[in-house]
C-alpha atoms as a PDB file:
ATOM      1  CA  UNK A   1      44.545  40.395   4.216  1.00  0.00           C
ATOM      2  CA  UNK A   2      47.159  38.051   5.686  1.00  0.00           C
ATOM      3  CA  UNK A   3      49.010  35.917   3.149  1.00  0.00           C
ATOM      4  CA  UNK A   4      50.406  32.539   4.043  1.00  0.00           C
ATOM      5  CA  UNK A   5      54.171  32.237   3.846  1.00  0.00           C
ATOM      6  CA  UNK A   6      55.300  30.268   0.804  1.00  0.00           C
ATOM      7  CA  UNK A   7      56.961  26.994   1.614  1.00  0.00           C
ATOM      8  CA  UNK A   8      60.335  26.467  -0.041  1.00  0.00           C
ATOM      9  CA  UNK A   9      59.607  23.770  -2.625  1.00  0.00           C
ATOM     10  CA  UNK A  10      61.641  22.865  -5.670  1.00  0.00           C
ATOM     11  CA  UNK A  11      59.970  22.611  -9.112  1.00  0.00           C
ATOM     12  CA  UNK A  12      60.750  18.919  -9.381  1.00  0.00           C
ATOM     13  CA  UNK A  13      58.774  18.246  -6.218  1.00  0.00           C
ATOM     14  CA  UNK A  14      55.773  20.055  -7.726  1.00  0.00           C
ATOM     15  CA  UNK A  15      55.881  17.669 -10.691  1.00  0.00           C
ATOM     16  CA  UNK A  16      56.242  14.666  -8.375  1.00  0.00           C
ATOM     17  CA  UNK A  17      53.284  15.800  -6.233  1.00  0.00           C
ATOM     18  CA  UNK A  18      51.145  16.327  -9.357  1.00  0.00           C
ATOM     19  CA  UNK A  19      52.079  12.853 -10.670  1.00  0.00           C
ATOM     20  CA  UNK A  20      51.174  11.329  -7.296  1.00  0.00           C
ATOM     21  CA  UNK A  21      47.835  13.127  -6.899  1.00  0.00           C
ATOM     22  CA  UNK A  22      46.773  12.243 -10.453  1.00  0.00           C
ATOM     23  CA  UNK A  23      46.628  15.743 -11.938  1.00  0.00           C
ATOM     24  CA  UNK A  24      49.621  15.115 -14.206  1.00  0.00           C
ATOM     25  CA  UNK A  25      50.196  12.046 -16.356  1.00  0.00           C
ATOM     26  CA  UNK A  26      52.547  10.803 -19.059  1.00  0.00           C
ATOM     27  CA  UNK A  27      51.725   8.566 -22.025  1.00  0.00           C
ATOM     28  CA  UNK A  28      54.776   6.295 -21.873  1.00  0.00           C
ATOM     29  CA  UNK A  29      54.308   5.102 -25.468  1.00  0.00           C
ATOM     30  CA  UNK A  30      54.726   8.611 -26.885  1.00  0.00           C
ATOM     31  CA  UNK A  31      56.180  10.458 -23.850  1.00  0.00           C
ATOM     32  CA  UNK A  32      53.471  13.097 -24.166  1.00  0.00           C
ATOM     33  CA  UNK A  33      52.717  14.918 -20.911  1.00  0.00           C
ATOM     34  CA  UNK A  34      49.133  15.808 -19.942  1.00  0.00           C
ATOM     35  CA  UNK A  35      47.775  18.039 -17.194  1.00  0.00           C
ATOM     36  CA  UNK A  36      44.297  17.938 -15.662  1.00  0.00           C
ATOM     37  CA  UNK A  37      42.810  21.425 -16.179  1.00  0.00           C
ATOM     38  CA  UNK A  38      39.224  22.085 -15.034  1.00  0.00           C
ATOM     39  CA  UNK A  39      38.337  18.402 -15.378  1.00  0.00           C
ATOM     40  CA  UNK A  40      39.883  17.940 -18.865  1.00  0.00           C
ATOM     41  CA  UNK A  41      43.224  16.436 -19.857  1.00  0.00           C
ATOM     42  CA  UNK A  42      45.289  18.953 -21.816  1.00  0.00           C
ATOM     43  CA  UNK A  43      48.537  18.116 -23.572  1.00  0.00           C
ATOM     44  CA  UNK A  44      51.424  20.039 -22.067  1.00  0.00           C
ATOM     45  CA  UNK A  45      53.610  20.040 -25.198  1.00  0.00           C
ATOM     46  CA  UNK A  46      53.400  19.373 -28.897  1.00  0.00           C
ATOM     47  CA  UNK A  47      53.322  15.912 -30.523  1.00  0.00           C
ATOM     48  CA  UNK A  48      56.411  13.907 -31.303  1.00  0.00           C
ATOM     49  CA  UNK A  49      57.329  12.690 -34.764  1.00  0.00           C
ATOM     50  CA  UNK A  50      58.030   9.071 -35.664  1.00  0.00           C
ATOM     51  CA  UNK A  51      61.653   9.665 -34.581  1.00  0.00           C
ATOM     52  CA  UNK A  52      60.388  10.673 -31.126  1.00  0.00           C
ATOM     53  CA  UNK A  53      61.763  14.213 -31.478  1.00  0.00           C
ATOM     54  CA  UNK A  54      59.789  16.978 -29.812  1.00  0.00           C
ATOM     55  CA  UNK A  55      58.579  19.968 -31.805  1.00  0.00           C
ATOM     56  CA  UNK A  56      57.920  23.363 -30.286  1.00  0.00           C
ATOM     57  CA  UNK A  57      59.794  26.011 -28.375  1.00  0.00           C
ATOM     58  CA  UNK A  58      62.618  25.216 -26.042  1.00  0.00           C
ATOM     59  CA  UNK A  59      63.743  26.968 -22.903  1.00  0.00           C
ATOM     60  CA  UNK A  60      66.674  26.895 -20.503  1.00  0.00           C
ATOM     61  CA  UNK A  61      69.456  25.991 -22.901  1.00  0.00           C
ATOM     62  CA  UNK A  62      67.405  23.891 -25.300  1.00  0.00           C
ATOM     63  CA  UNK A  63      65.371  21.835 -22.823  1.00  0.00           C
ATOM     64  CA  UNK A  64      61.585  21.589 -23.102  1.00  0.00           C
ATOM     65  CA  UNK A  65      59.700  22.688 -20.026  1.00  0.00           C
ATOM     66  CA  UNK A  66      56.208  23.045 -18.627  1.00  0.00           C
ATOM     67  CA  UNK A  67      54.767  25.644 -16.267  1.00  0.00           C
ATOM     68  CA  UNK A  68      53.074  23.646 -13.526  1.00  0.00           C
ATOM     69  CA  UNK A  69      50.736  24.997 -10.885  1.00  0.00           C
ATOM     70  CA  UNK A  70      49.784  23.456  -7.589  1.00  0.00           C
ATOM     71  CA  UNK A  71      48.081  24.637  -4.403  1.00  0.00           C
ATOM     72  CA  UNK A  72      49.471  23.391  -1.094  1.00  0.00           C
ATOM     73  CA  UNK A  73      47.782  24.465   2.140  1.00  0.00           C
ATOM     74  CA  UNK A  74      46.151  27.374   0.363  1.00  0.00           C
ATOM     75  CA  UNK A  75      49.404  28.631  -1.162  1.00  0.00           C
ATOM     76  CA  UNK A  76      49.610  28.618  -4.979  1.00  0.00           C
ATOM     77  CA  UNK A  77      52.868  27.746  -6.714  1.00  0.00           C
ATOM     78  CA  UNK A  78      53.753  28.117 -10.396  1.00  0.00           C
ATOM     79  CA  UNK A  79      57.099  26.810 -11.535  1.00  0.00           C
ATOM     80  CA  UNK A  80      58.947  25.663 -14.649  1.00  0.00           C
ATOM     81  CA  UNK A  81      59.768  21.958 -14.777  1.00  0.00           C
ATOM     82  CA  UNK A  82      61.806  20.184 -17.430  1.00  0.00           C
ATOM     83  CA  UNK A  83      59.695  17.672 -19.366  1.00  0.00           C
ATOM     84  CA  UNK A  84      62.413  15.014 -19.474  1.00  0.00           C
ATOM     85  CA  UNK A  85      62.402  14.951 -15.663  1.00  0.00           C
ATOM     86  CA  UNK A  86      58.608  14.507 -15.603  1.00  0.00           C
ATOM     87  CA  UNK A  87      58.827  11.627 -18.092  1.00  0.00           C
ATOM     88  CA  UNK A  88      61.598   9.941 -16.094  1.00  0.00           C
ATOM     89  CA  UNK A  89      59.673  10.227 -12.801  1.00  0.00           C
ATOM     90  CA  UNK A  90      56.497   8.858 -14.399  1.00  0.00           C
ATOM     91  CA  UNK A  91      58.300   5.859 -15.920  1.00  0.00           C
ATOM     92  CA  UNK A  92      60.293   4.925 -12.805  1.00  0.00           C
ATOM     93  CA  UNK A  93      57.712   6.046 -10.213  1.00  0.00           C
ATOM     94  CA  UNK A  94      60.496   7.684  -8.266  1.00  0.00           C
ATOM     95  CA  UNK A  95      61.020  11.284  -7.203  1.00  0.00           C
ATOM     96  CA  UNK A  96      64.057  13.110  -8.555  1.00  0.00           C
ATOM     97  CA  UNK A  97      65.911  15.346  -6.150  1.00  0.00           C
ATOM     98  CA  UNK A  98      67.223  18.732  -7.345  1.00  0.00           C
ATOM     99  CA  UNK A  99      70.759  17.285  -7.352  1.00  0.00           C
ATOM    100  CA  UNK A 100      69.736  14.329  -9.563  1.00  0.00           C
ATOM    101  CA  UNK A 101      70.434  14.666 -13.264  1.00  0.00           C
ATOM    102  CA  UNK A 102      68.825  12.896 -16.217  1.00  0.00           C
ATOM    103  CA  UNK A 103      71.006  12.317 -19.272  1.00  0.00           C
ATOM    104  CA  UNK A 104      69.380  12.354 -22.703  1.00  0.00           C
ATOM    105  CA  UNK A 105      71.933   9.965 -24.156  1.00  0.00           C
ATOM    106  CA  UNK A 106      73.158  10.061 -27.736  1.00  0.00           C
ATOM    107  CA  UNK A 107      69.877  11.357 -29.166  1.00  0.00           C
ATOM    108  CA  UNK A 108      70.237  14.749 -27.507  1.00  0.00           C
ATOM    109  CA  UNK A 109      67.972  17.206 -25.682  1.00  0.00           C
ATOM    110  CA  UNK A 110      65.264  17.026 -28.331  1.00  0.00           C
ATOM    111  CA  UNK A 111      64.340  13.421 -27.463  1.00  0.00           C
ATOM    112  CA  UNK A 112      62.348  13.101 -24.238  1.00  0.00           C
ATOM    113  CA  UNK A 113      61.248   9.490 -24.711  1.00  0.00           C
ATOM    114  CA  UNK A 114      61.793   7.460 -21.530  1.00  0.00           C
ATOM    115  CA  UNK A 115      63.938   4.883 -23.361  1.00  0.00           C
ATOM    116  CA  UNK A 116      66.465   7.638 -24.103  1.00  0.00           C
ATOM    117  CA  UNK A 117      66.689   8.952 -20.517  1.00  0.00           C
ATOM    118  CA  UNK A 118      69.011   7.764 -17.766  1.00  0.00           C
ATOM    119  CA  UNK A 119      69.507   9.029 -14.211  1.00  0.00           C
ATOM    120  CA  UNK A 120      73.192   9.841 -13.694  1.00  0.00           C
ATOM    121  CA  UNK A 121      75.434  11.661 -11.268  1.00  0.00           C
ATOM    122  CA  UNK A 122      76.442  15.230 -12.135  1.00  0.00           C
ATOM    123  CA  UNK A 123      80.049  14.124 -12.771  1.00  0.00           C
ATOM    124  CA  UNK A 124      78.900  11.340 -15.129  1.00  0.00           C
ATOM    125  CA  UNK A 125      76.648  13.778 -16.982  1.00  0.00           C
ATOM    126  CA  UNK A 126      79.590  16.190 -17.463  1.00  0.00           C
ATOM    127  CA  UNK A 127      81.866  13.351 -18.571  1.00  0.00           C
ATOM    128  CA  UNK A 128      79.332  12.244 -21.196  1.00  0.00           C
ATOM    129  CA  UNK A 129      78.853  15.828 -22.404  1.00  0.00           C
ATOM    130  CA  UNK A 130      82.606  16.344 -22.758  1.00  0.00           C
ATOM    131  CA  UNK A 131      82.983  13.006 -24.553  1.00  0.00           C
ATOM    132  CA  UNK A 132      80.218  13.908 -27.034  1.00  0.00           C
ATOM    133  CA  UNK A 133      81.847  17.317 -27.662  1.00  0.00           C
ATOM    134  CA  UNK A 134      85.215  15.668 -28.273  1.00  0.00           C
ATOM    135  CA  UNK A 135      83.646  13.196 -30.722  1.00  0.00           C
ATOM    136  CA  UNK A 136      82.004  16.073 -32.644  1.00  0.00           C
ATOM    137  CA  UNK A 137      85.287  17.976 -32.745  1.00  0.00           C
ATOM    138  CA  UNK A 138      87.123  14.889 -34.037  1.00  0.00           C
ATOM    139  CA  UNK A 139      84.489  14.264 -36.707  1.00  0.00           C
ATOM    140  CA  UNK A 140      84.165  17.849 -37.949  1.00  0.00           C
ATOM    141  CA  UNK A 141      87.408  19.428 -36.827  1.00  0.00           C
ATOM    142  CA  UNK A 142      87.968  22.177 -34.301  1.00  0.00           C
ATOM    143  CA  UNK A 143      85.972  25.348 -34.919  1.00  0.00           C
END
């Protein structure tokens, strides 16, 4: 049997395509992500608390992710996508490129609510990370 060659597609594009074709959606009040599976909406991750902090397992250095599947021209793809990127794309209705970064702000990686997320350049993201590390070191001393 001849298999079709897989097209090179980044995981963030899979999320964008799923948002556009209506098989992935985000509740912007709670930032919960849902996927259409066999005609039913299924929550991708666990609920948030009142403080909008996600509960559940993390992956890739503390970021929450989802395994998304999509079929394009008969070729099936399954890829990990960071949930904060899905939430940002849903809120702003704009695709994120692989080089785009989304900063979680002062509330940290655990908070994926859209009000906490901001699209930044890689250099700005590093600057903010270094500034937060320096503030922690000043508050608690070097360790």
